[in-house]
Amino acid sequence: MNELLKKLSKARGVAGHEGAVRAILREELAPFVEELSVDSIGNLIAHKGGSDAAGQHRVMLAAHMDEVGGMVMRANSDGTVKFRSVGGLDPRILPGKRVTIGPQSVPGVILRAPHAARSGRRAVPISDLLIDTGGAGGIEPGDMITFESGYEQYGKLLKGKAFDDRVGCYILAELLKSEFPCELVGVFTVQEEIGLRGAGVAAYTVQPDVAVALEGTVADDLPKQNDVSPTTELGKGPAISVMDRSAHADRRLVRILTETASDHGIPWQIKQPGVGGTDVGTIHLARAGVPAVAVAVPCRYIHTPAALMDPEDVKNTIQLMSKALSGPLGRPLRAGWSEA
C-alpha cells in the first residue's frame, strides 16, 4: 500500500474531530476532482462528472473519516485522567495501551483505577479505568483521546490503527482518481462511530441514485473452540453486506457486485448477516430512499490500536468497485423489484 494509507492510519481523528484526516484527503484529491467542499457538519464531498454526457446516473460512495477513541471527563490532581469512550471500545483490551490526549498531544497510559485493581476482576468497565499522564498539565474536559500505534508490515499483513475506516477512505480516494461513465460523488463522512450522523446529512444533500459504503469490517477468522462461521476472513476478498443491524442491502446492488466479481475473477465473500452497522443505515433512509449496499475490507482486532488486514483484500476491493462503476453500477438500476 502507498504512503496515503499510512498517513490516514496514523492521523488522529476521533469522531467529531476529523479535521486532520480531512486535510490529508483534501490535499490528495484536489488535482483529481472537479469540486471539493465541506458541509456544515464536516463531511468532505468530492464531485466528478461522468464521461457519459447524458449524466443521468449519480453514484455516491461513502467512507467515514472518524475513529473510535475517548474523551476526557476530568483531570485529577494526582496526574491521572478520568475518561469515557467515543464509539465502541472493549474495556478488556485497554489497560496498558498508550494514548495521546488533546490538542497538546499529551502522552499517557491507560491503567486500572486502584480500587478496580484490588478487586481482582479480570475485566473492568471503562468507568474504572484511568489514564496516567505523569502529572502533565494542559488537559481539559472534552479533549479527545486517541490510541498511539505504529503502521507496519506484519508478514504479508498490514498493522495499524483506525483501519475502520481509513482503509475505506483510502479506497474511495483511489477510485476518485479514475474516470467512470456515471456522475460520482465521494463523501468522506463524519461521526459514523457515534451514530452514522454525517452520512445521513450528506445523502440528503447529494440525492444519489444509488450508494455504496466502503468500510473496514470485523474479521474473527482465527481458530475457534467451536465450529462457528467467521464474520469475514482475511485474504478472501471484499466482504459484501446483505444485512446488518443498520440496514438491509438492496439486493440488486448485491447481485451487481457479486456477479461483477465472479465475471472478473475477483475473490469475494458475504459478510455474516446481522453483524455491525455502516453508513448505509442512514443513507438508505434519505429523502424518498436510496438503494444502498456496503462493501468492506476484513480487519482483525478492529477498534483496537493494532488492527491487521491483508493488502490483497484492499486491492481486490478497488478492482471490484472499478469494474462495477465502469459497468452495471455506473448505469441506472432496472426499475422494480420483480427480480430482487
C-alpha atoms as a PDB file:
ATOM      1  CA  MET A   1       0.000   0.000   0.000  1.00  0.00           C
ATOM      2  CA  ASN A   2       1.222   3.508  -0.667  1.00  0.00           C
ATOM      3  CA  GLU A   3       2.046   6.397   1.656  1.00  0.00           C
ATOM      4  CA  LEU A   4      -1.529   7.714   1.668  1.00  0.00           C
ATOM      5  CA  LEU A   5      -2.896   4.765   3.648  1.00  0.00           C
ATOM      6  CA  LYS A   6      -0.078   5.138   6.180  1.00  0.00           C
ATOM      7  CA  LYS A   7      -0.817   8.837   6.664  1.00  0.00           C
ATOM      8  CA  LEU A   8      -4.537   8.173   7.035  1.00  0.00           C
ATOM      9  CA  SER A   9      -3.990   5.406   9.584  1.00  0.00           C
ATOM     10  CA  LYS A  10      -1.637   7.484  11.719  1.00  0.00           C
ATOM     11  CA  ALA A  11      -3.790  10.637  11.647  1.00  0.00           C
ATOM     12  CA  ARG A  12      -5.762  11.480  14.789  1.00  0.00           C
ATOM     13  CA  GLY A  13      -9.494  11.688  14.106  1.00  0.00           C
ATOM     14  CA  VAL A  14     -11.823  10.571  16.881  1.00  0.00           C
ATOM     15  CA  ALA A  15     -15.499  11.081  15.999  1.00  0.00           C
ATOM     16  CA  GLY A  16     -16.316  14.786  15.962  1.00  0.00           C
ATOM     17  CA  HIS A  17     -12.651  15.755  15.440  1.00  0.00           C
ATOM     18  CA  GLU A  18     -11.892  14.566  11.902  1.00  0.00           C
ATOM     19  CA  GLY A  19     -10.030  17.691  10.737  1.00  0.00           C
ATOM     20  CA  ALA A  20      -6.574  16.119  10.365  1.00  0.00           C
ATOM     21  CA  VAL A  21      -7.947  13.304   8.197  1.00  0.00           C
ATOM     22  CA  ARG A  22      -9.984  15.746   6.127  1.00  0.00           C
ATOM     23  CA  ALA A  23      -6.894  17.888   5.472  1.00  0.00           C
ATOM     24  CA  ILE A  24      -4.913  14.889   4.180  1.00  0.00           C
ATOM     25  CA  LEU A  25      -7.715  13.919   1.806  1.00  0.00           C
ATOM     26  CA  ARG A  26      -8.282  17.465   0.517  1.00  0.00           C
ATOM     27  CA  GLU A  27      -4.636  17.804  -0.411  1.00  0.00           C
ATOM     28  CA  GLU A  28      -4.545  14.360  -2.031  1.00  0.00           C
ATOM     29  CA  LEU A  29      -7.699  14.772  -4.125  1.00  0.00           C
ATOM     30  CA  ALA A  30      -7.521  18.404  -5.255  1.00  0.00           C
ATOM     31  CA  PRO A  31      -5.821  17.569  -8.602  1.00  0.00           C
ATOM     32  CA  PHE A  32      -8.285  14.792  -9.463  1.00  0.00           C
ATOM     33  CA  VAL A  33     -11.808  16.087  -8.823  1.00  0.00           C
ATOM     34  CA  GLU A  34     -13.897  18.931 -10.176  1.00  0.00           C
ATOM     35  CA  GLU A  35     -15.105  20.201  -6.828  1.00  0.00           C
ATOM     36  CA  LEU A  36     -14.260  19.726  -3.152  1.00  0.00           C
ATOM     37  CA  SER A  37     -16.467  21.111  -0.411  1.00  0.00           C
ATOM     38  CA  VAL A  38     -17.100  20.692   3.300  1.00  0.00           C
ATOM     39  CA  ASP A  39     -20.681  20.782   4.547  1.00  0.00           C
ATOM     40  CA  SER A  40     -21.957  22.223   7.812  1.00  0.00           C
ATOM     41  CA  ILE A  41     -21.412  19.009   9.799  1.00  0.00           C
ATOM     42  CA  GLY A  42     -17.877  18.395   8.464  1.00  0.00           C
ATOM     43  CA  ASN A  43     -18.318  15.876   5.642  1.00  0.00           C
ATOM     44  CA  LEU A  44     -15.801  16.260   2.809  1.00  0.00           C
ATOM     45  CA  ILE A  45     -17.644  15.971  -0.521  1.00  0.00           C
ATOM     46  CA  ALA A  46     -15.755  15.344  -3.776  1.00  0.00           C
ATOM     47  CA  HIS A  47     -17.553  15.603  -7.107  1.00  0.00           C
ATOM     48  CA  LYS A  48     -16.680  14.205 -10.541  1.00  0.00           C
ATOM     49  CA  GLY A  49     -18.928  14.434 -13.584  1.00  0.00           C
ATOM     50  CA  GLY A  50     -19.154  11.235 -15.587  1.00  0.00           C
ATOM     51  CA  SER A  51     -17.797  10.620 -19.063  1.00  0.00           C
ATOM     52  CA  ASP A  52     -21.344   9.825 -20.186  1.00  0.00           C
ATOM     53  CA  ALA A  53     -22.601  13.182 -21.464  1.00  0.00           C
ATOM     54  CA  ALA A  54     -26.164  12.313 -20.517  1.00  0.00           C
ATOM     55  CA  GLY A  55     -25.191  12.457 -16.831  1.00  0.00           C
ATOM     56  CA  GLN A  56     -28.322  10.609 -15.810  1.00  0.00           C
ATOM     57  CA  HIS A  57     -26.918   8.443 -13.034  1.00  0.00           C
ATOM     58  CA  ARG A  58     -25.398   9.710  -9.755  1.00  0.00           C
ATOM     59  CA  VAL A  59     -23.463   7.279  -7.558  1.00  0.00           C
ATOM     60  CA  MET A  60     -22.492   8.203  -4.011  1.00  0.00           C
ATOM     61  CA  LEU A  61     -19.537   6.409  -2.439  1.00  0.00           C
ATOM     62  CA  ALA A  62     -19.104   6.960   1.299  1.00  0.00           C
ATOM     63  CA  ALA A  63     -16.273   6.235   3.734  1.00  0.00           C
ATOM     64  CA  HIS A  64     -16.094   7.598   7.263  1.00  0.00           C
ATOM     65  CA  MET A  65     -13.114   9.572   8.490  1.00  0.00           C
ATOM     66  CA  ASP A  66     -13.674   9.146  12.215  1.00  0.00           C
ATOM     67  CA  GLU A  67     -12.235   6.518  14.529  1.00  0.00           C
ATOM     68  CA  VAL A  68     -13.117   5.237  17.983  1.00  0.00           C
ATOM     69  CA  GLY A  69     -11.330   6.715  20.958  1.00  0.00           C
ATOM     70  CA  GLY A  70     -12.046   8.548  24.178  1.00  0.00           C
ATOM     71  CA  MET A  71     -12.942  11.911  25.699  1.00  0.00           C
ATOM     72  CA  VAL A  72     -11.583  13.490  28.874  1.00  0.00           C
ATOM     73  CA  MET A  73     -14.152  13.829  31.646  1.00  0.00           C
ATOM     74  CA  ARG A  74     -11.798  15.397  34.191  1.00  0.00           C
ATOM     75  CA  ALA A  75      -8.117  15.792  35.010  1.00  0.00           C
ATOM     76  CA  ASN A  76      -7.403  14.649  38.566  1.00  0.00           C
ATOM     77  CA  SER A  77      -4.973  16.341  40.952  1.00  0.00           C
ATOM     78  CA  ASP A  78      -2.801  13.202  41.088  1.00  0.00           C
ATOM     79  CA  GLY A  79      -1.964  13.422  37.371  1.00  0.00           C
ATOM     80  CA  THR A  80      -4.489  10.845  36.215  1.00  0.00           C
ATOM     81  CA  VAL A  81      -7.342  11.454  33.810  1.00  0.00           C
ATOM     82  CA  LYS A  82     -10.910  10.171  34.007  1.00  0.00           C
ATOM     83  CA  PHE A  83     -12.329   9.437  30.557  1.00  0.00           C
ATOM     84  CA  ARG A  84     -15.224   7.920  28.639  1.00  0.00           C
ATOM     85  CA  SER A  85     -15.378   6.091  25.326  1.00  0.00           C
ATOM     86  CA  VAL A  86     -16.266   7.688  21.995  1.00  0.00           C
ATOM     87  CA  GLY A  87     -17.581   4.842  19.883  1.00  0.00           C
ATOM     88  CA  GLY A  88     -17.349   1.140  20.635  1.00  0.00           C
ATOM     89  CA  LEU A  89     -14.353   0.159  22.760  1.00  0.00           C
ATOM     90  CA  ASP A  90     -13.771  -3.149  24.525  1.00  0.00           C
ATOM     91  CA  PRO A  91     -12.516  -2.258  28.025  1.00  0.00           C
ATOM     92  CA  ARG A  92     -10.746  -5.619  28.313  1.00  0.00           C
ATOM     93  CA  ILE A  93      -8.043  -4.536  25.848  1.00  0.00           C
ATOM     94  CA  LEU A  94      -7.448  -1.028  27.205  1.00  0.00           C
ATOM     95  CA  PRO A  95      -5.141  -1.370  30.273  1.00  0.00           C
ATOM     96  CA  GLY A  96      -1.538  -0.718  29.276  1.00  0.00           C
ATOM     97  CA  LYS A  97      -2.389   0.975  25.971  1.00  0.00           C
ATOM     98  CA  ARG A  98      -0.569   4.199  25.082  1.00  0.00           C
ATOM     99  CA  VAL A  99      -2.707   7.190  24.149  1.00  0.00           C
ATOM    100  CA  THR A 100      -2.389  10.825  23.113  1.00  0.00           C
ATOM    101  CA  ILE A 101      -4.627  13.449  24.700  1.00  0.00           C
ATOM    102  CA  GLY A 102      -5.933  16.752  23.375  1.00  0.00           C
ATOM    103  CA  PRO A 103      -4.512  19.438  21.085  1.00  0.00           C
ATOM    104  CA  GLN A 104      -1.226  19.455  23.025  1.00  0.00           C
ATOM    105  CA  SER A 105      -0.720  15.736  22.234  1.00  0.00           C
ATOM    106  CA  VAL A 106      -0.123  14.843  25.881  1.00  0.00           C
ATOM    107  CA  PRO A 107       1.065  11.213  26.142  1.00  0.00           C
ATOM    108  CA  GLY A 108      -0.498   8.809  28.606  1.00  0.00           C
ATOM    109  CA  VAL A 109      -1.007   5.162  29.527  1.00  0.00           C
ATOM    110  CA  ILE A 110      -4.341   3.571  30.448  1.00  0.00           C
ATOM    111  CA  LEU A 111      -4.448   1.812  33.825  1.00  0.00           C
ATOM    112  CA  ARG A 112      -6.968   0.318  36.186  1.00  0.00           C
ATOM    113  CA  ALA A 113      -8.119   2.580  38.983  1.00  0.00           C
ATOM    114  CA  PRO A 114      -6.610   1.383  42.304  1.00  0.00           C
ATOM    115  CA  HIS A 115      -9.924   0.147  43.692  1.00  0.00           C
ATOM    116  CA  ALA A 116     -10.545  -1.855  40.492  1.00  0.00           C
ATOM    117  CA  ALA A 117      -7.046  -3.356  40.577  1.00  0.00           C
ATOM    118  CA  ARG A 118      -7.614  -4.539  44.136  1.00  0.00           C
ATOM    119  CA  SER A 119     -10.950  -6.139  43.260  1.00  0.00           C
ATOM    120  CA  GLY A 120      -9.250  -8.971  41.369  1.00  0.00           C
ATOM    121  CA  ARG A 121     -11.640  -8.766  38.435  1.00  0.00           C
ATOM    122  CA  ARG A 122     -10.045  -9.690  35.116  1.00  0.00           C
ATOM    123  CA  ALA A 123     -12.135  -7.181  33.156  1.00  0.00           C
ATOM    124  CA  VAL A 124     -13.348  -3.845  34.452  1.00  0.00           C
ATOM    125  CA  PRO A 125     -15.653  -1.250  32.874  1.00  0.00           C
ATOM    126  CA  ILE A 126     -14.255   1.913  31.326  1.00  0.00           C
ATOM    127  CA  SER A 127     -15.644   3.804  34.314  1.00  0.00           C
ATOM    128  CA  ASP A 128     -12.991   2.026  36.432  1.00  0.00           C
ATOM    129  CA  LEU A 129     -10.080   2.945  34.150  1.00  0.00           C
ATOM    130  CA  LEU A 130      -7.815   5.990  34.291  1.00  0.00           C
ATOM    131  CA  ILE A 131      -5.034   7.464  32.167  1.00  0.00           C
ATOM    132  CA  ASP A 132      -1.665   8.170  33.781  1.00  0.00           C
ATOM    133  CA  THR A 133      -0.071  11.270  32.216  1.00  0.00           C
ATOM    134  CA  GLY A 134       2.828  11.555  34.642  1.00  0.00           C
ATOM    135  CA  GLY A 135       1.344  14.753  36.008  1.00  0.00           C
ATOM    136  CA  ALA A 136       1.296  16.605  32.694  1.00  0.00           C
ATOM    137  CA  GLY A 137      -0.871  19.710  32.551  1.00  0.00           C
ATOM    138  CA  GLY A 138      -2.843  21.308  29.744  1.00  0.00           C
ATOM    139  CA  ILE A 139      -5.651  18.739  29.748  1.00  0.00           C
ATOM    140  CA  GLU A 140      -9.266  19.905  29.725  1.00  0.00           C
ATOM    141  CA  PRO A 141     -12.663  18.174  29.867  1.00  0.00           C
ATOM    142  CA  GLY A 142     -13.776  17.429  26.327  1.00  0.00           C
ATOM    143  CA  ASP A 143     -10.257  16.813  24.991  1.00  0.00           C
ATOM    144  CA  MET A 144     -10.134  13.866  22.607  1.00  0.00           C
ATOM    145  CA  ILE A 145      -8.065  10.746  23.286  1.00  0.00           C
ATOM    146  CA  THR A 146      -6.527   8.663  20.508  1.00  0.00           C
ATOM    147  CA  PHE A 147      -4.537   5.438  20.541  1.00  0.00           C
ATOM    148  CA  GLU A 148      -0.815   5.569  19.828  1.00  0.00           C
ATOM    149  CA  SER A 149       0.139   2.917  17.278  1.00  0.00           C
ATOM    150  CA  GLY A 150       2.673   2.317  14.553  1.00  0.00           C
ATOM    151  CA  TYR A 151       1.902   1.424  10.954  1.00  0.00           C
ATOM    152  CA  GLU A 152       3.968  -1.524   9.773  1.00  0.00           C
ATOM    153  CA  GLN A 153       4.149  -4.766   7.837  1.00  0.00           C
ATOM    154  CA  TYR A 154       3.386  -7.988   9.731  1.00  0.00           C
ATOM    155  CA  GLY A 155       4.405 -10.749   7.343  1.00  0.00           C
ATOM    156  CA  LYS A 156       2.027 -10.335   4.412  1.00  0.00           C
ATOM    157  CA  LEU A 157      -0.410  -8.281   6.522  1.00  0.00           C
ATOM    158  CA  LEU A 158      -0.550  -4.602   7.470  1.00  0.00           C
ATOM    159  CA  LYS A 159      -0.863  -3.453  11.095  1.00  0.00           C
ATOM    160  CA  GLY A 160      -2.185  -0.077  12.180  1.00  0.00           C
ATOM    161  CA  LYS A 161      -4.910   1.813  13.971  1.00  0.00           C
ATOM    162  CA  ALA A 162      -8.188   3.157  12.565  1.00  0.00           C
ATOM    163  CA  PHE A 163      -8.393   0.843   9.540  1.00  0.00           C
ATOM    164  CA  ASP A 164     -12.104   1.233  10.325  1.00  0.00           C
ATOM    165  CA  ASP A 165     -12.464   3.275   8.292  1.00  0.00           C
ATOM    166  CA  ARG A 166      -9.274   4.815   6.952  1.00  0.00           C
ATOM    167  CA  VAL A 167      -8.979   1.856   4.585  1.00  0.00           C
ATOM    168  CA  GLY A 168     -12.378   2.851   3.167  1.00  0.00           C
ATOM    169  CA  CYS A 169     -11.134   6.440   2.831  1.00  0.00           C
ATOM    170  CA  TYR A 170      -8.051   5.180   1.001  1.00  0.00           C
ATOM    171  CA  ILE A 171     -10.128   3.068  -1.390  1.00  0.00           C
ATOM    172  CA  LEU A 172     -12.506   5.950  -2.098  1.00  0.00           C
ATOM    173  CA  ALA A 173      -9.603   8.327  -2.743  1.00  0.00           C
ATOM    174  CA  GLU A 174      -8.067   5.881  -5.222  1.00  0.00           C
ATOM    175  CA  LEU A 175     -11.394   5.472  -7.041  1.00  0.00           C
ATOM    176  CA  LEU A 176     -11.797   9.247  -7.341  1.00  0.00           C
ATOM    177  CA  LYS A 177      -8.549   9.367  -9.306  1.00  0.00           C
ATOM    178  CA  SER A 178     -10.152   7.347 -12.139  1.00  0.00           C
ATOM    179  CA  GLU A 179     -12.829   8.199 -14.701  1.00  0.00           C
ATOM    180  CA  PHE A 180     -16.209   6.458 -14.867  1.00  0.00           C
ATOM    181  CA  PRO A 181     -19.304   6.922 -17.050  1.00  0.00           C
ATOM    182  CA  CYS A 182     -21.541   7.890 -14.124  1.00  0.00           C
ATOM    183  CA  GLU A 183     -21.549  11.057 -12.081  1.00  0.00           C
ATOM    184  CA  LEU A 184     -19.523  10.175  -8.984  1.00  0.00           C
ATOM    185  CA  VAL A 185     -19.829  11.865  -5.599  1.00  0.00           C
ATOM    186  CA  GLY A 186     -17.344  10.720  -2.989  1.00  0.00           C
ATOM    187  CA  VAL A 187     -18.297  11.571   0.583  1.00  0.00           C
ATOM    188  CA  PHE A 188     -15.827  11.254   3.434  1.00  0.00           C
ATOM    189  CA  THR A 189     -18.246  11.252   6.335  1.00  0.00           C
ATOM    190  CA  VAL A 190     -18.000  12.268   9.980  1.00  0.00           C
ATOM    191  CA  GLN A 191     -19.312  10.770  13.212  1.00  0.00           C
ATOM    192  CA  GLU A 192     -20.107   7.287  11.915  1.00  0.00           C
ATOM    193  CA  GLU A 193     -18.834   5.654  15.083  1.00  0.00           C
ATOM    194  CA  ILE A 194     -21.323   7.528  17.281  1.00  0.00           C
ATOM    195  CA  GLY A 195     -24.491   7.159  15.231  1.00  0.00           C
ATOM    196  CA  LEU A 196     -23.937   7.289  11.436  1.00  0.00           C
ATOM    197  CA  ARG A 197     -24.541  11.035  11.637  1.00  0.00           C
ATOM    198  CA  GLY A 198     -22.605  12.574   8.762  1.00  0.00           C
ATOM    199  CA  ALA A 199     -23.788  10.126   6.117  1.00  0.00           C
ATOM    200  CA  GLY A 200     -27.465  10.938   6.536  1.00  0.00           C
ATOM    201  CA  VAL A 201     -26.807  14.657   6.146  1.00  0.00           C
ATOM    202  CA  ALA A 202     -24.677  14.064   3.048  1.00  0.00           C
ATOM    203  CA  ALA A 203     -27.157  11.721   1.373  1.00  0.00           C
ATOM    204  CA  TYR A 204     -29.939  14.274   1.860  1.00  0.00           C
ATOM    205  CA  THR A 205     -27.775  16.886   0.091  1.00  0.00           C
ATOM    206  CA  VAL A 206     -26.282  14.710  -2.656  1.00  0.00           C
ATOM    207  CA  GLN A 207     -29.555  12.961  -3.614  1.00  0.00           C
ATOM    208  CA  PRO A 208     -27.809   9.926  -5.145  1.00  0.00           C
ATOM    209  CA  ASP A 209     -29.491   7.340  -7.342  1.00  0.00           C
ATOM    210  CA  VAL A 210     -27.504   4.589  -5.600  1.00  0.00           C
ATOM    211  CA  ALA A 211     -24.902   4.499  -2.841  1.00  0.00           C
ATOM    212  CA  VAL A 212     -22.095   2.235  -1.642  1.00  0.00           C
ATOM    213  CA  ALA A 213     -20.436   2.495   1.772  1.00  0.00           C
ATOM    214  CA  LEU A 214     -16.771   1.466   1.750  1.00  0.00           C
ATOM    215  CA  GLU A 215     -15.714   0.033   5.099  1.00  0.00           C
ATOM    216  CA  GLY A 216     -13.228  -1.827   7.227  1.00  0.00           C
ATOM    217  CA  THR A 217     -15.119  -4.601   8.988  1.00  0.00           C
ATOM    218  CA  VAL A 218     -14.582  -7.211  11.668  1.00  0.00           C
ATOM    219  CA  ALA A 219     -12.775 -10.457  10.812  1.00  0.00           C
ATOM    220  CA  ASP A 220     -12.924 -13.135  13.506  1.00  0.00           C
ATOM    221  CA  ASP A 221     -11.298 -15.809  11.377  1.00  0.00           C
ATOM    222  CA  LEU A 222      -8.791 -17.301  13.804  1.00  0.00           C
ATOM    223  CA  PRO A 223      -9.295 -20.894  15.047  1.00  0.00           C
ATOM    224  CA  LYS A 224     -12.179 -21.317  17.467  1.00  0.00           C
ATOM    225  CA  GLN A 225     -13.109 -23.876  20.081  1.00  0.00           C
ATOM    226  CA  ASN A 226     -16.423 -24.497  18.353  1.00  0.00           C
ATOM    227  CA  ASP A 227     -17.279 -24.726  14.662  1.00  0.00           C
ATOM    228  CA  VAL A 228     -18.566 -21.178  14.286  1.00  0.00           C
ATOM    229  CA  SER A 229     -18.615 -19.430  10.914  1.00  0.00           C
ATOM    230  CA  PRO A 230     -16.417 -16.307  10.877  1.00  0.00           C
ATOM    231  CA  THR A 231     -17.977 -12.913  10.194  1.00  0.00           C
ATOM    232  CA  THR A 232     -15.409 -12.360   7.436  1.00  0.00           C
ATOM    233  CA  GLU A 233     -11.968 -13.789   6.634  1.00  0.00           C
ATOM    234  CA  LEU A 234      -8.701 -12.127   5.682  1.00  0.00           C
ATOM    235  CA  GLY A 235      -7.444 -12.904   2.189  1.00  0.00           C
ATOM    236  CA  LYS A 236     -10.851 -13.936   0.845  1.00  0.00           C
ATOM    237  CA  GLY A 237     -11.573 -10.623  -0.884  1.00  0.00           C
ATOM    238  CA  PRO A 238     -14.042  -7.792  -0.272  1.00  0.00           C
ATOM    239  CA  ALA A 239     -16.936  -8.587   2.064  1.00  0.00           C
ATOM    240  CA  ILE A 240     -20.374  -7.653   0.741  1.00  0.00           C
ATOM    241  CA  SER A 241     -23.043  -6.997   3.340  1.00  0.00           C
ATOM    242  CA  VAL A 242     -26.567  -8.292   2.715  1.00  0.00           C
ATOM    243  CA  MET A 243     -27.919  -7.200   6.120  1.00  0.00           C
ATOM    244  CA  ASP A 244     -26.558  -5.741   9.333  1.00  0.00           C
ATOM    245  CA  ARG A 245     -28.013  -4.039  12.381  1.00  0.00           C
ATOM    246  CA  SER A 246     -28.487  -0.766  10.496  1.00  0.00           C
ATOM    247  CA  ALA A 247     -29.861  -1.767   7.085  1.00  0.00           C
ATOM    248  CA  HIS A 248     -30.902  -4.436   4.620  1.00  0.00           C
ATOM    249  CA  ALA A 249     -28.854  -4.104   1.426  1.00  0.00           C
ATOM    250  CA  ASP A 250     -30.523  -3.526  -1.920  1.00  0.00           C
ATOM    251  CA  ARG A 251     -30.477  -6.978  -3.497  1.00  0.00           C
ATOM    252  CA  ARG A 252     -29.962  -5.569  -6.986  1.00  0.00           C
ATOM    253  CA  LEU A 253     -26.720  -3.960  -5.844  1.00  0.00           C
ATOM    254  CA  VAL A 254     -25.622  -7.145  -4.090  1.00  0.00           C
ATOM    255  CA  ARG A 255     -26.211  -9.030  -7.334  1.00  0.00           C
ATOM    256  CA  ILE A 256     -24.290  -6.447  -9.376  1.00  0.00           C
ATOM    257  CA  LEU A 257     -21.271  -6.707  -7.079  1.00  0.00           C
ATOM    258  CA  THR A 258     -21.195 -10.486  -6.763  1.00  0.00           C
ATOM    259  CA  GLU A 259     -21.693 -11.055 -10.492  1.00  0.00           C
ATOM    260  CA  THR A 260     -19.081  -8.427 -11.392  1.00  0.00           C
ATOM    261  CA  ALA A 261     -16.576 -10.057  -9.047  1.00  0.00           C
ATOM    262  CA  SER A 262     -17.259 -13.527 -10.432  1.00  0.00           C
ATOM    263  CA  ASP A 263     -17.094 -12.334 -14.049  1.00  0.00           C
ATOM    264  CA  HIS A 264     -13.654 -10.772 -13.491  1.00  0.00           C
ATOM    265  CA  GLY A 265     -12.157 -13.455 -11.250  1.00  0.00           C
ATOM    266  CA  ILE A 266     -12.104 -11.224  -8.178  1.00  0.00           C
ATOM    267  CA  PRO A 267     -12.430 -13.107  -4.862  1.00  0.00           C
ATOM    268  CA  TRP A 268     -15.378 -12.020  -2.734  1.00  0.00           C
ATOM    269  CA  GLN A 269     -17.291 -13.093   0.354  1.00  0.00           C
ATOM    270  CA  ILE A 270     -20.599 -12.383   2.040  1.00  0.00           C
ATOM    271  CA  LYS A 271     -20.331 -10.797   5.460  1.00  0.00           C
ATOM    272  CA  GLN A 272     -22.200 -12.792   8.086  1.00  0.00           C
ATOM    273  CA  PRO A 273     -25.695 -11.225   8.200  1.00  0.00           C
ATOM    274  CA  GLY A 274     -26.798  -9.201  11.196  1.00  0.00           C
ATOM    275  CA  VAL A 275     -23.359  -8.100  12.403  1.00  0.00           C
ATOM    276  CA  GLY A 276     -22.329  -4.462  12.810  1.00  0.00           C
ATOM    277  CA  GLY A 277     -23.638  -1.353  11.115  1.00  0.00           C
ATOM    278  CA  THR A 278     -22.443   1.120   8.473  1.00  0.00           C
ATOM    279  CA  ASP A 279     -23.278   4.485   6.933  1.00  0.00           C
ATOM    280  CA  VAL A 280     -25.789   2.630   4.758  1.00  0.00           C
ATOM    281  CA  GLY A 281     -28.048   2.752   7.817  1.00  0.00           C
ATOM    282  CA  THR A 282     -28.786   6.458   7.344  1.00  0.00           C
ATOM    283  CA  ILE A 283     -28.015   6.802   3.628  1.00  0.00           C
ATOM    284  CA  HIS A 284     -30.777   4.415   2.577  1.00  0.00           C
ATOM    285  CA  LEU A 285     -33.365   6.451   4.505  1.00  0.00           C
ATOM    286  CA  ALA A 286     -32.548   9.824   2.912  1.00  0.00           C
ATOM    287  CA  ARG A 287     -35.423  11.668   1.226  1.00  0.00           C
ATOM    288  CA  ALA A 288     -37.522   9.091  -0.673  1.00  0.00           C
ATOM    289  CA  GLY A 289     -34.954   6.333  -0.041  1.00  0.00           C
ATOM    290  CA  VAL A 290     -31.661   5.334  -1.663  1.00  0.00           C
ATOM    291  CA  PRO A 291     -30.710   1.840  -2.903  1.00  0.00           C
ATOM    292  CA  ALA A 292     -27.512   1.124  -0.979  1.00  0.00           C
ATOM    293  CA  VAL A 293     -25.015  -1.573  -0.042  1.00  0.00           C
ATOM    294  CA  ALA A 294     -21.788  -1.831   1.976  1.00  0.00           C
ATOM    295  CA  VAL A 295     -18.513  -3.346   0.760  1.00  0.00           C
ATOM    296  CA  ALA A 296     -15.755  -3.856   3.314  1.00  0.00           C
ATOM    297  CA  VAL A 297     -12.159  -4.936   3.803  1.00  0.00           C
ATOM    298  CA  PRO A 298     -11.917  -7.548   6.607  1.00  0.00           C
ATOM    299  CA  CYS A 299      -9.788  -6.449   9.584  1.00  0.00           C
ATOM    300  CA  ARG A 300      -8.734  -8.463  12.623  1.00  0.00           C
ATOM    301  CA  TYR A 301      -8.771  -6.739  16.036  1.00  0.00           C
ATOM    302  CA  ILE A 302     -10.945  -3.883  14.800  1.00  0.00           C
ATOM    303  CA  HIS A 303     -11.422  -0.925  17.174  1.00  0.00           C
ATOM    304  CA  THR A 304      -8.024  -1.575  18.754  1.00  0.00           C
ATOM    305  CA  PRO A 305      -4.634   0.144  18.241  1.00  0.00           C
ATOM    306  CA  ALA A 306      -3.336  -2.877  16.316  1.00  0.00           C
ATOM    307  CA  ALA A 307      -5.761  -3.957  13.609  1.00  0.00           C
ATOM    308  CA  LEU A 308      -4.495  -6.340  10.914  1.00  0.00           C
ATOM    309  CA  MET A 309      -5.610  -6.528   7.290  1.00  0.00           C
ATOM    310  CA  ASP A 310      -4.469  -8.138   4.048  1.00  0.00           C
ATOM    311  CA  PRO A 311      -3.389  -5.635   1.347  1.00  0.00           C
ATOM    312  CA  GLU A 312      -4.656  -8.066  -1.301  1.00  0.00           C
ATOM    313  CA  ASP A 313      -8.181  -7.530   0.046  1.00  0.00           C
ATOM    314  CA  VAL A 314      -7.695  -3.782  -0.390  1.00  0.00           C
ATOM    315  CA  LYS A 315      -6.502  -4.192  -3.982  1.00  0.00           C
ATOM    316  CA  ASN A 316      -9.365  -6.542  -4.792  1.00  0.00           C
ATOM    317  CA  THR A 317     -11.910  -4.127  -3.327  1.00  0.00           C
ATOM    318  CA  ILE A 318     -10.583  -1.313  -5.521  1.00  0.00           C
ATOM    319  CA  GLN A 319     -10.665  -3.621  -8.542  1.00  0.00           C
ATOM    320  CA  LEU A 320     -14.229  -4.753  -7.820  1.00  0.00           C
ATOM    321  CA  MET A 321     -15.520  -1.214  -7.400  1.00  0.00           C
ATOM    322  CA  SER A 322     -13.695  -0.031 -10.533  1.00  0.00           C
ATOM    323  CA  LYS A 323     -15.169  -2.814 -12.656  1.00  0.00           C
ATOM    324  CA  ALA A 324     -18.644  -2.277 -11.204  1.00  0.00           C
ATOM    325  CA  LEU A 325     -18.565   1.504 -11.720  1.00  0.00           C
ATOM    326  CA  SER A 326     -17.367   1.024 -15.293  1.00  0.00           C
ATOM    327  CA  GLY A 327     -20.201  -1.462 -15.819  1.00  0.00           C
ATOM    328  CA  PRO A 328     -23.625  -2.049 -14.289  1.00  0.00           C
ATOM    329  CA  LEU A 329     -23.153   0.045 -11.129  1.00  0.00           C
ATOM    330  CA  GLY A 330     -22.439   3.042 -13.344  1.00  0.00           C
ATOM    331  CA  ARG A 331     -25.781   2.699 -15.135  1.00  0.00           C
ATOM    332  CA  PRO A 332     -29.347   3.235 -13.846  1.00  0.00           C
ATOM    333  CA  LEU A 333     -30.796   0.306 -11.934  1.00  0.00           C
ATOM    334  CA  ARG A 334     -33.548  -1.689 -13.530  1.00  0.00           C
ATOM    335  CA  ALA A 335     -36.814  -0.381 -12.098  1.00  0.00           C
ATOM    336  CA  GLY A 336     -38.955  -2.543  -9.873  1.00  0.00           C
ATOM    337  CA  TRP A 337     -38.322  -5.431  -7.528  1.00  0.00           C
ATOM    338  CA  SER A 338     -39.509  -8.406  -9.558  1.00  0.00           C
ATOM    339  CA  GLU A 339     -36.024  -9.890  -9.771  1.00  0.00           C
ATOM    340  CA  ALA A 340     -34.862  -8.898  -6.299  1.00  0.00           C
END
